[in-house]
């Protein structure tokens, strides 16, 4: 195949400076803005409230830690298996 008039094609291969083009100035967009929905805002308030509320009973945890450390705390295999089965269902 023979291409004639190659000078016409050279104009297509020259890079153009898009930073200074008029079209680039016309199509500039404002920065993206994120706006959360009311439902998302309510969820965030509830999540922060739940995180701030401590439902860990420190006295019970301290007692269990002491019993485990001393070797007095024993759990039956049946209780462990029962909890595993309940969690699976």
Protein backbone atom coordinates (compact mmCIF):
# COMPACT_ATOMS: atom_id res chain seq x y z
CA UNK A 1 0.00 0.00 0.00
CA UNK A 2 1.33 3.41 -0.93
CA UNK A 3 0.35 6.56 0.92
CA UNK A 4 0.65 9.79 -0.94
CA UNK A 5 0.44 13.21 0.55
CA UNK A 6 2.26 12.30 3.78
CA UNK A 7 2.58 15.99 4.66
CA UNK A 8 -1.12 16.01 5.54
CA UNK A 9 -0.64 13.17 8.01
CA UNK A 10 2.25 14.90 9.76
CA UNK A 11 -0.11 17.54 11.05
CA UNK A 12 -2.07 14.85 12.82
CA UNK A 13 0.91 13.44 14.67
CA UNK A 14 2.22 16.67 16.17
CA UNK A 15 1.36 16.93 19.86
CA UNK A 16 -0.65 19.89 21.00
CA UNK A 17 -0.23 21.65 24.29
CA UNK A 18 -3.48 20.92 26.10
CA UNK A 19 -2.57 23.02 29.12
CA UNK A 20 -2.96 26.23 27.18
CA UNK A 21 -5.75 25.30 24.81
CA UNK A 22 -8.92 27.35 24.76
CA UNK A 23 -11.10 24.27 25.08
CA UNK A 24 -9.29 23.21 28.24
CA UNK A 25 -10.12 26.56 29.85
CA UNK A 26 -13.79 26.19 28.89
CA UNK A 27 -14.16 22.69 30.31
CA UNK A 28 -12.50 23.22 33.69
CA UNK A 29 -14.67 21.86 36.44
CA UNK A 30 -14.98 22.89 40.03
CA UNK A 31 -13.48 20.50 42.56
CA UNK A 32 -15.56 17.50 43.58
CA UNK A 33 -17.66 18.01 46.67
CA UNK A 34 -18.86 15.26 49.00
CA UNK A 35 -22.17 15.71 50.74
CA UNK A 36 -23.46 12.93 53.00
CA UNK A 37 -27.15 12.07 53.07
CA UNK A 38 -29.23 12.61 56.19
CA UNK A 39 -29.34 8.86 56.73
CA UNK A 40 -25.53 8.69 56.62
CA UNK A 41 -25.26 11.60 59.06
CA UNK A 42 -27.69 9.89 61.46
CA UNK A 43 -25.74 6.65 61.17
CA UNK A 44 -22.49 8.46 61.96
CA UNK A 45 -24.00 10.05 65.08
CA UNK A 46 -25.32 6.65 66.24
CA UNK A 47 -21.96 4.98 65.53
CA UNK A 48 -20.07 7.60 67.54
CA UNK A 49 -22.56 7.29 70.41
CA UNK A 50 -22.23 3.51 70.46
CA UNK A 51 -18.45 3.76 70.44
CA UNK A 52 -18.49 6.23 73.33
CA UNK A 53 -20.85 4.10 75.44
CA UNK A 54 -19.00 1.41 77.31
CA UNK A 55 -21.03 -1.68 77.98
CA UNK A 56 -17.98 -3.55 79.29
CA UNK A 57 -18.58 -4.47 82.89
CA UNK A 58 -15.14 -3.85 84.35
CA UNK A 59 -15.80 -5.70 87.62
CA UNK A 60 -16.88 -8.89 85.85
CA UNK A 61 -13.94 -8.72 83.44
CA UNK A 62 -11.47 -8.20 86.31
CA UNK A 63 -12.98 -11.13 88.22
CA UNK A 64 -12.76 -13.43 85.19
CA UNK A 65 -9.18 -12.37 84.50
CA UNK A 66 -8.19 -13.13 88.07
CA UNK A 67 -9.92 -16.55 88.01
CA UNK A 68 -8.27 -17.46 84.67
CA UNK A 69 -4.86 -16.38 85.96
CA UNK A 70 -5.22 -18.40 89.15
CA UNK A 71 -6.50 -21.48 87.28
CA UNK A 72 -9.92 -21.45 88.99
CA UNK A 73 -11.90 -20.73 85.84
CA UNK A 74 -12.99 -23.85 83.99
CA UNK A 75 -15.53 -24.18 81.21
CA UNK A 76 -17.01 -27.51 80.28
CA UNK A 77 -16.51 -28.87 76.79
CA UNK A 78 -20.31 -29.14 76.50
CA UNK A 79 -20.74 -25.40 77.09
CA UNK A 80 -18.10 -24.58 74.48
CA UNK A 81 -19.66 -26.91 71.91
CA UNK A 82 -23.12 -25.56 72.66
CA UNK A 83 -22.02 -21.96 72.06
CA UNK A 84 -20.26 -22.95 68.84
CA UNK A 85 -23.40 -24.66 67.56
CA UNK A 86 -25.60 -21.72 68.57
CA UNK A 87 -23.29 -19.26 66.82
CA UNK A 88 -23.30 -21.37 63.64
CA UNK A 89 -27.09 -21.49 63.44
